[in-house]
N, C-alpha and C. Protein backbone atom coordinates (compact mmCIF):
# COMPACT_ATOMS: atom_id res chain seq x y z
N MET A 1 -1.40 30.63 21.37
CA MET A 1 -1.41 29.93 20.12
C MET A 1 -1.77 28.39 19.98
N GLY A 2 -2.18 27.89 19.01
CA GLY A 2 -2.26 26.49 19.13
C GLY A 2 -1.29 25.86 18.86
N HIS A 3 -0.98 24.71 19.28
CA HIS A 3 -0.01 23.72 18.87
C HIS A 3 -0.37 22.96 17.71
N HIS A 4 0.77 22.82 16.96
CA HIS A 4 0.76 22.00 15.79
C HIS A 4 1.36 20.75 15.72
N LYS A 5 0.85 19.72 15.19
CA LYS A 5 1.43 18.45 15.28
C LYS A 5 1.80 18.16 13.79
N TYR A 6 3.09 17.76 13.68
CA TYR A 6 3.54 17.21 12.34
C TYR A 6 3.96 16.02 12.12
N VAL A 7 3.94 15.22 11.22
CA VAL A 7 4.33 13.81 10.89
C VAL A 7 5.59 13.83 9.87
N VAL A 8 6.40 13.39 10.20
CA VAL A 8 7.45 13.39 9.12
C VAL A 8 7.49 11.96 8.75
N VAL A 9 7.50 11.66 7.32
CA VAL A 9 7.39 10.41 6.83
C VAL A 9 8.64 10.25 5.74
N LEU A 10 9.41 9.39 5.87
CA LEU A 10 10.70 9.46 4.94
C LEU A 10 9.95 8.59 3.73
N ILE A 11 10.22 9.03 2.64
CA ILE A 11 9.83 8.18 1.38
C ILE A 11 11.18 7.85 0.44
N HIS A 12 11.40 6.91 0.25
CA HIS A 12 12.56 6.37 -0.52
C HIS A 12 12.61 6.77 -1.96
N GLU A 13 13.79 7.16 -2.67
CA GLU A 13 13.63 7.44 -3.94
C GLU A 13 13.11 6.43 -4.68
N PRO A 14 12.58 6.59 -6.05
CA PRO A 14 11.91 5.19 -6.66
C PRO A 14 13.10 4.55 -7.33
N GLN A 15 13.08 3.27 -7.53
CA GLN A 15 13.97 2.57 -8.42
C GLN A 15 14.03 3.07 -9.83
N THR A 16 15.34 3.05 -10.16
CA THR A 16 15.39 3.61 -11.65
C THR A 16 15.85 2.32 -12.51
N ASP A 17 15.87 1.15 -12.00
CA ASP A 17 16.23 0.03 -12.99
C ASP A 17 15.04 -1.00 -12.90
N LEU A 18 13.75 -0.48 -12.98
CA LEU A 18 12.72 -1.26 -13.19
C LEU A 18 12.63 -2.03 -14.33
N ALA A 19 12.66 -3.58 -14.22
CA ALA A 19 12.26 -4.46 -15.45
C ALA A 19 10.89 -4.47 -15.72
N HIS A 20 10.30 -4.43 -14.52
CA HIS A 20 8.54 -4.34 -14.93
C HIS A 20 8.12 -3.01 -14.46
N SER A 21 7.89 -2.28 -15.25
CA SER A 21 7.15 -0.87 -14.87
C SER A 21 5.61 -0.85 -15.17
N PRO A 22 4.94 -1.34 -14.04
CA PRO A 22 3.38 -1.16 -14.13
C PRO A 22 2.58 0.08 -14.69
N THR A 23 1.65 0.12 -15.28
CA THR A 23 1.00 1.39 -15.66
C THR A 23 0.21 1.88 -14.35
N LEU A 24 -0.06 3.17 -14.58
CA LEU A 24 -0.82 3.77 -13.39
C LEU A 24 -2.12 3.22 -13.16
N PHE A 25 -2.79 2.87 -14.12
CA PHE A 25 -4.01 2.15 -14.29
C PHE A 25 -3.78 0.83 -13.42
N THR A 26 -2.93 0.15 -13.53
CA THR A 26 -2.66 -1.26 -12.89
C THR A 26 -2.45 -1.03 -11.45
N LEU A 27 -1.50 0.01 -11.17
CA LEU A 27 -1.26 0.36 -9.80
C LEU A 27 -2.49 0.72 -9.04
N HIS A 28 -3.58 1.51 -9.82
CA HIS A 28 -4.65 1.92 -9.11
C HIS A 28 -5.53 0.63 -8.81
N ARG A 29 -5.60 -0.34 -9.79
CA ARG A 29 -6.19 -1.58 -9.45
C ARG A 29 -5.65 -2.32 -8.28
N VAL A 30 -4.36 -2.42 -8.20
CA VAL A 30 -3.71 -3.10 -7.10
C VAL A 30 -3.93 -2.41 -5.79
N GLU A 31 -4.13 -1.26 -5.77
CA GLU A 31 -4.37 -0.60 -4.72
C GLU A 31 -6.11 -0.86 -4.26
N ARG A 32 -6.85 -0.64 -5.24
CA ARG A 32 -8.35 -0.94 -4.93
C ARG A 32 -8.50 -2.45 -4.48
N VAL A 33 -7.71 -3.44 -4.98
CA VAL A 33 -7.90 -4.70 -4.31
C VAL A 33 -7.59 -4.76 -2.97
N LEU A 34 -6.53 -3.98 -2.63
CA LEU A 34 -5.90 -4.02 -1.05
C LEU A 34 -6.80 -3.20 -0.28
N ARG A 35 -7.24 -2.04 -0.84
CA ARG A 35 -8.10 -1.16 0.01
C ARG A 35 -9.35 -1.98 0.43
N ASP A 36 -10.23 -2.58 -0.56
CA ASP A 36 -11.27 -3.32 -0.39
C ASP A 36 -11.09 -4.59 0.43
N ALA A 37 -10.01 -5.04 0.48
CA ALA A 37 -9.59 -6.32 1.38
C ALA A 37 -9.58 -5.75 2.80
N ALA A 38 -8.84 -4.49 3.02
CA ALA A 38 -8.64 -4.01 4.29
C ALA A 38 -10.04 -3.65 5.01
N ALA A 39 -11.06 -3.30 4.04
CA ALA A 39 -12.40 -2.69 4.35
C ALA A 39 -13.19 -3.68 5.05
N ARG A 40 -12.86 -4.98 4.37
CA ARG A 40 -13.67 -6.14 4.84
C ARG A 40 -13.05 -6.93 6.05
N GLY A 41 -11.99 -6.43 6.54
CA GLY A 41 -11.26 -6.89 7.51
C GLY A 41 -10.30 -8.20 7.16
N GLU A 42 -10.12 -8.52 6.07
CA GLU A 42 -9.38 -9.46 5.38
C GLU A 42 -7.76 -9.70 5.96
N PRO A 43 -7.39 -10.85 6.11
CA PRO A 43 -6.00 -11.01 6.45
C PRO A 43 -4.95 -10.55 5.14
N PRO A 44 -3.64 -10.56 5.31
CA PRO A 44 -2.90 -10.05 4.41
C PRO A 44 -3.00 -10.95 2.96
N LEU A 45 -2.93 -10.37 1.88
CA LEU A 45 -3.04 -11.07 0.70
C LEU A 45 -1.64 -11.44 -0.05
N SER A 46 -1.57 -12.61 -0.51
CA SER A 46 -0.40 -13.15 -1.10
C SER A 46 -0.50 -12.34 -2.59
N HIS A 47 0.58 -11.91 -3.33
CA HIS A 47 0.88 -11.47 -4.66
C HIS A 47 -0.15 -12.34 -5.46
N ALA A 48 -0.10 -13.62 -5.41
CA ALA A 48 -0.82 -14.50 -6.48
C ALA A 48 -2.37 -14.02 -6.05
N GLU A 49 -2.87 -13.96 -5.05
CA GLU A 49 -4.26 -13.57 -4.56
C GLU A 49 -4.53 -12.33 -5.23
N ILE A 50 -3.63 -11.20 -5.06
CA ILE A 50 -3.90 -10.12 -5.67
C ILE A 50 -4.13 -10.25 -6.95
N ALA A 51 -3.13 -10.71 -7.73
CA ALA A 51 -3.32 -10.99 -9.26
C ALA A 51 -4.50 -11.72 -9.57
N ARG A 52 -4.92 -12.68 -8.65
CA ARG A 52 -6.43 -13.37 -8.98
C ARG A 52 -7.52 -12.35 -8.81
N ARG A 53 -7.49 -11.41 -8.01
CA ARG A 53 -8.68 -10.52 -7.75
C ARG A 53 -8.58 -9.35 -8.88
N LEU A 54 -7.59 -9.31 -9.63
CA LEU A 54 -7.58 -7.96 -10.61
C LEU A 54 -8.58 -8.63 -11.78
N PRO A 55 -9.11 -7.50 -12.05
CA PRO A 55 -10.21 -7.70 -13.30
C PRO A 55 -9.56 -7.69 -14.82
N VAL A 56 -8.43 -8.60 -14.77
CA VAL A 56 -7.53 -8.77 -16.06
C VAL A 56 -7.38 -10.43 -16.17
N LYS A 57 -7.37 -10.76 -17.32
CA LYS A 57 -7.36 -12.17 -17.61
C LYS A 57 -5.92 -12.93 -17.05
N LYS A 58 -4.90 -11.83 -17.60
CA LYS A 58 -3.49 -12.34 -17.04
C LYS A 58 -2.66 -11.31 -16.73
N ILE A 59 -1.80 -11.36 -15.36
CA ILE A 59 -0.89 -10.22 -15.02
C ILE A 59 0.29 -11.06 -14.73
N ARG A 60 1.40 -10.43 -14.81
CA ARG A 60 2.85 -11.01 -14.46
C ARG A 60 2.90 -10.84 -13.02
N ARG A 61 3.43 -11.79 -12.35
CA ARG A 61 3.72 -11.76 -10.83
C ARG A 61 4.82 -10.82 -10.76
N GLU A 62 5.96 -10.50 -11.34
CA GLU A 62 6.50 -9.15 -11.31
C GLU A 62 5.89 -8.07 -11.22
N THR A 63 4.69 -7.92 -12.14
CA THR A 63 4.17 -6.54 -12.26
C THR A 63 3.32 -6.32 -10.85
N VAL A 64 2.61 -7.35 -10.32
CA VAL A 64 1.92 -7.14 -8.95
C VAL A 64 3.10 -6.87 -7.91
N LYS A 65 4.05 -7.44 -8.00
CA LYS A 65 5.33 -7.11 -6.86
C LYS A 65 5.70 -5.71 -7.29
N ALA A 66 5.90 -5.31 -8.33
CA ALA A 66 6.26 -3.81 -8.62
C ALA A 66 5.16 -2.78 -8.21
N CYS A 67 4.00 -3.10 -8.48
CA CYS A 67 3.04 -2.30 -7.82
C CYS A 67 3.02 -2.18 -6.36
N VAL A 68 3.17 -3.41 -5.76
CA VAL A 68 3.30 -3.58 -4.09
C VAL A 68 4.66 -2.78 -3.52
N ALA A 69 5.59 -2.90 -4.34
CA ALA A 69 6.74 -2.20 -3.99
C ALA A 69 6.51 -0.55 -4.07
N GLU A 70 5.86 -0.15 -4.99
CA GLU A 70 5.45 1.36 -5.20
C GLU A 70 4.60 1.93 -4.05
N LEU A 71 3.71 0.97 -3.72
CA LEU A 71 2.64 1.25 -2.62
C LEU A 71 3.37 1.46 -1.33
N ALA A 72 4.26 0.22 -1.12
CA ALA A 72 5.09 0.16 0.15
C ALA A 72 6.12 1.40 0.35
N ARG A 73 6.54 1.97 -0.89
CA ARG A 73 7.50 3.16 -0.76
C ARG A 73 6.74 4.25 -0.36
N PHE A 74 5.49 4.45 -0.51
CA PHE A 74 4.61 5.71 0.15
C PHE A 74 4.14 5.08 1.57
N HIS A 75 4.50 4.04 2.06
CA HIS A 75 3.84 3.53 3.38
C HIS A 75 2.36 3.46 3.17
N MET A 76 1.91 2.94 2.03
CA MET A 76 0.35 2.59 2.16
C MET A 76 0.20 1.30 2.46
N VAL A 77 1.27 0.28 2.18
CA VAL A 77 0.83 -0.99 2.25
C VAL A 77 2.15 -1.67 3.42
N ALA A 78 1.75 -2.60 3.92
CA ALA A 78 2.89 -3.40 4.69
C ALA A 78 2.75 -4.76 4.02
N GLU A 79 4.07 -4.99 4.14
CA GLU A 79 4.56 -6.43 3.27
C GLU A 79 5.08 -7.16 4.09
N GLY A 80 4.95 -8.60 4.47
CA GLY A 80 5.63 -9.43 5.32
C GLY A 80 5.35 -10.95 4.66
N LYS A 81 5.91 -11.84 5.74
CA LYS A 81 5.66 -13.06 5.09
C LYS A 81 4.24 -13.76 5.10
N ALA A 82 3.24 -12.99 5.58
CA ALA A 82 2.03 -13.36 5.64
C ALA A 82 1.38 -12.82 4.23
N GLY A 83 1.86 -11.67 3.78
CA GLY A 83 1.38 -11.06 2.39
C GLY A 83 1.41 -9.47 2.55
N VAL A 84 0.52 -8.86 1.83
CA VAL A 84 0.32 -7.77 1.72
C VAL A 84 -0.86 -7.13 2.37
N MET A 85 -0.78 -5.98 2.99
CA MET A 85 -2.09 -5.42 3.56
C MET A 85 -2.02 -3.92 3.45
N TRP A 86 -3.21 -3.45 3.22
CA TRP A 86 -3.07 -1.87 3.21
C TRP A 86 -3.26 -1.36 4.53
N VAL A 87 -2.45 -0.33 4.60
CA VAL A 87 -2.17 0.15 6.03
C VAL A 87 -2.48 1.75 6.02
N PHE A 88 -2.46 2.37 5.01
CA PHE A 88 -2.77 4.01 5.03
C PHE A 88 -4.27 4.22 5.20
N THR A 89 -4.47 5.32 6.11
CA THR A 89 -5.61 5.77 6.24
C THR A 89 -5.69 7.34 6.11
N SER A 90 -6.62 7.91 5.42
CA SER A 90 -6.78 9.31 5.23
C SER A 90 -7.96 9.76 6.02
N SER A 91 -8.32 9.12 7.01
CA SER A 91 -9.32 9.62 7.90
C SER A 91 -8.87 10.52 9.06
N ASP A 92 -9.70 11.89 9.09
CA ASP A 92 -9.19 12.99 10.06
C ASP A 92 -9.07 12.27 11.54
N ASP A 93 -10.04 11.32 11.49
CA ASP A 93 -10.34 10.70 13.02
C ASP A 93 -8.97 10.15 13.48
N VAL A 94 -8.06 9.66 12.50
CA VAL A 94 -6.76 9.01 13.20
C VAL A 94 -6.20 10.07 13.63
N TRP A 95 -6.02 11.25 13.01
CA TRP A 95 -5.15 12.24 13.40
C TRP A 95 -5.80 12.96 14.70
N ARG A 96 -7.06 12.66 15.18
CA ARG A 96 -7.48 13.13 16.40
C ARG A 96 -7.26 12.45 17.69
N ARG A 97 -7.01 10.88 17.13
CA ARG A 97 -6.64 9.86 18.43
C ARG A 97 -5.29 10.42 19.47
N ARG A 98 -5.56 10.16 20.74
CA ARG A 98 -4.14 10.29 21.46
C ARG A 98 -3.14 9.15 21.13
N ARG A 99 -1.88 9.89 20.82
CA ARG A 99 -1.09 8.60 20.54
C ARG A 99 0.20 8.88 21.72
N VAL A 100 0.70 7.69 21.57
CA VAL A 100 1.94 7.38 22.59
C VAL A 100 3.15 8.12 21.86
N PRO A 101 3.94 9.07 22.57
CA PRO A 101 4.81 9.88 21.64
C PRO A 101 5.94 8.83 21.53
N LEU A 102 6.56 8.80 20.47
CA LEU A 102 7.73 8.27 19.82
C LEU A 102 9.04 8.48 20.62
N ARG A 103 9.81 7.64 20.90
CA ARG A 103 11.05 7.80 21.72
C ARG A 103 12.30 7.43 20.50
């Protein structure tokens, strides 16, 4: 029989006390901005830069932060001092690469 490899990812529960709850449409727009930046090989983007690239006239910084937090909860983005970067990939090629076992 073949060997199966499984990846376990811990996903934290969503916050229940969100003061700024973005719409699904806004969440998808933020995702698109980050995916496009990653596809172009850009460095991490600040929250202000993400907001600037959204196709809306005005968006609250807290709304952008809430979107980033939700994407980070599902391990789709990495956030640090340099900014936010898309890290999730759904390419089958990634799963075929040889990996160093976790210890």
